[in-house]
Amino acid sequence: MKEDEKAIAAREKEIILLYRSKLRELEEDYASLVKKGDRMTTGDKKKLAKLAEKIERMKEIVGEWERAQETERKNTLYRMCVEIYSQTKGVCEYLKEKSGE
Protein backbone atom coordinates (compact mmCIF):
# COMPACT_ATOMS: atom_id res chain seq x y z
CA MET A 1 0.00 0.00 0.00
CA LYS A 2 1.36 3.41 -0.96
CA GLU A 3 1.83 6.14 1.62
CA ASP A 4 -1.08 8.13 0.15
CA GLU A 5 -3.37 5.11 0.42
CA LYS A 6 -2.27 4.53 4.01
CA ALA A 7 -2.98 8.15 4.89
CA ILE A 8 -6.42 7.97 3.26
CA ALA A 9 -7.23 4.71 5.05
CA ALA A 10 -6.12 6.21 8.38
CA ARG A 11 -8.25 9.30 7.78
CA GLU A 12 -11.28 7.17 6.87
CA LYS A 13 -10.87 5.18 10.07
CA GLU A 14 -10.61 8.42 12.05
CA ILE A 15 -13.82 9.76 10.51
CA ILE A 16 -15.67 6.50 11.16
CA LEU A 17 -14.57 6.62 14.80
CA LEU A 18 -15.83 10.20 14.98
CA TYR A 19 -19.24 9.14 13.70
CA ARG A 20 -19.30 6.21 16.12
CA SER A 21 -18.74 8.77 18.88
CA LYS A 22 -21.50 11.02 17.53
CA LEU A 23 -23.77 7.98 17.43
CA ARG A 24 -23.08 7.25 21.11
CA GLU A 25 -23.91 10.86 21.99
CA LEU A 26 -27.21 10.62 20.11
CA GLU A 27 -28.04 7.35 21.87
CA GLU A 28 -27.33 8.95 25.26
CA ASP A 29 -29.48 11.96 24.40
CA TYR A 30 -32.24 9.64 23.19
CA ALA A 31 -32.12 7.57 26.40
CA SER A 32 -32.35 10.75 28.46
CA LEU A 33 -35.33 11.97 26.44
CA VAL A 34 -37.14 8.63 26.73
CA LYS A 35 -37.11 9.05 30.51
CA LYS A 36 -39.06 12.29 30.05
CA GLY A 37 -41.50 10.76 27.58
CA ASP A 38 -44.47 10.96 29.92
CA ARG A 39 -44.17 14.75 29.90
CA MET A 40 -44.04 15.03 26.10
CA THR A 41 -46.83 15.93 23.75
CA THR A 42 -48.05 13.36 21.24
CA GLY A 43 -46.22 15.23 18.46
CA ASP A 44 -42.97 15.20 20.41
CA LYS A 45 -43.38 11.49 21.14
CA LYS A 46 -43.68 10.93 17.39
CA LYS A 47 -40.49 12.94 16.88
CA LEU A 48 -38.82 10.79 19.53
CA ALA A 49 -39.90 7.60 17.74
CA LYS A 50 -38.58 8.99 14.44
CA LEU A 51 -35.34 9.87 16.21
CA ALA A 52 -34.95 6.22 17.26
CA GLU A 53 -35.45 5.13 13.64
CA LYS A 54 -32.84 7.61 12.39
CA ILE A 55 -30.32 6.47 15.02
CA GLU A 56 -30.82 2.84 13.96
CA ARG A 57 -30.43 3.82 10.31
CA MET A 58 -27.23 5.69 11.10
CA LYS A 59 -25.86 2.60 12.89
CA GLU A 60 -26.54 0.54 9.78
CA ILE A 61 -24.88 3.09 7.52
CA VAL A 62 -21.77 3.41 9.69
CA GLY A 63 -21.46 -0.39 9.76
CA GLU A 64 -21.83 -0.60 6.00
CA TRP A 65 -19.36 2.26 5.58
CA GLU A 66 -16.76 0.37 7.62
CA ARG A 67 -17.14 -2.66 5.34
CA ALA A 68 -17.31 -0.74 2.04
CA GLN A 69 -14.45 -1.26 -0.40
CA GLU A 70 -15.28 1.09 -3.27
CA THR A 71 -14.41 4.76 -2.88
CA GLU A 72 -17.66 5.93 -4.48
CA ARG A 73 -19.74 3.80 -2.09
CA LYS A 74 -17.73 5.05 0.91
CA ASN A 75 -18.34 8.65 -0.18
CA THR A 76 -22.07 8.02 -0.58
CA LEU A 77 -22.30 6.43 2.87
CA TYR A 78 -20.31 9.30 4.39
CA ARG A 79 -22.73 11.84 2.92
CA MET A 80 -25.67 9.80 4.23
CA CYS A 81 -24.11 9.82 7.71
CA VAL A 82 -23.62 13.57 7.63
CA GLU A 83 -27.23 14.12 6.52
CA ILE A 84 -28.79 11.76 9.05
CA TYR A 85 -26.61 13.07 11.87
CA SER A 86 -27.59 16.67 11.18
CA GLN A 87 -31.28 15.73 11.10
CA THR A 88 -31.15 13.68 14.29
CA LYS A 89 -29.03 16.21 16.15
CA GLY A 90 -31.50 18.96 15.26
CA VAL A 91 -34.50 16.95 16.49
CA CYS A 92 -32.58 15.91 19.59
CA GLU A 93 -31.71 19.51 20.46
CA TYR A 94 -35.30 20.60 19.86
CA LEU A 95 -36.68 17.90 22.17
CA LYS A 96 -34.04 18.56 24.84
CA GLU A 97 -34.89 22.24 24.81
CA LYS A 98 -38.62 21.55 25.09
CA SER A 99 -38.08 19.11 27.94
CA GLY A 100 -36.01 21.64 29.85
CA GLU A 101 -32.81 19.66 29.61
Foldseek 3Di string as FASTA:
>chain_A
DDPVVVVVVVVLVVVLVVLVVLLVVLVVLLVVLVVVVVVDDPVLVVLSVVLVVLSVVLVVLSVVLVVDDDPVSVVVSVVSNVVSSVVSVVSSVVSCVVSVD
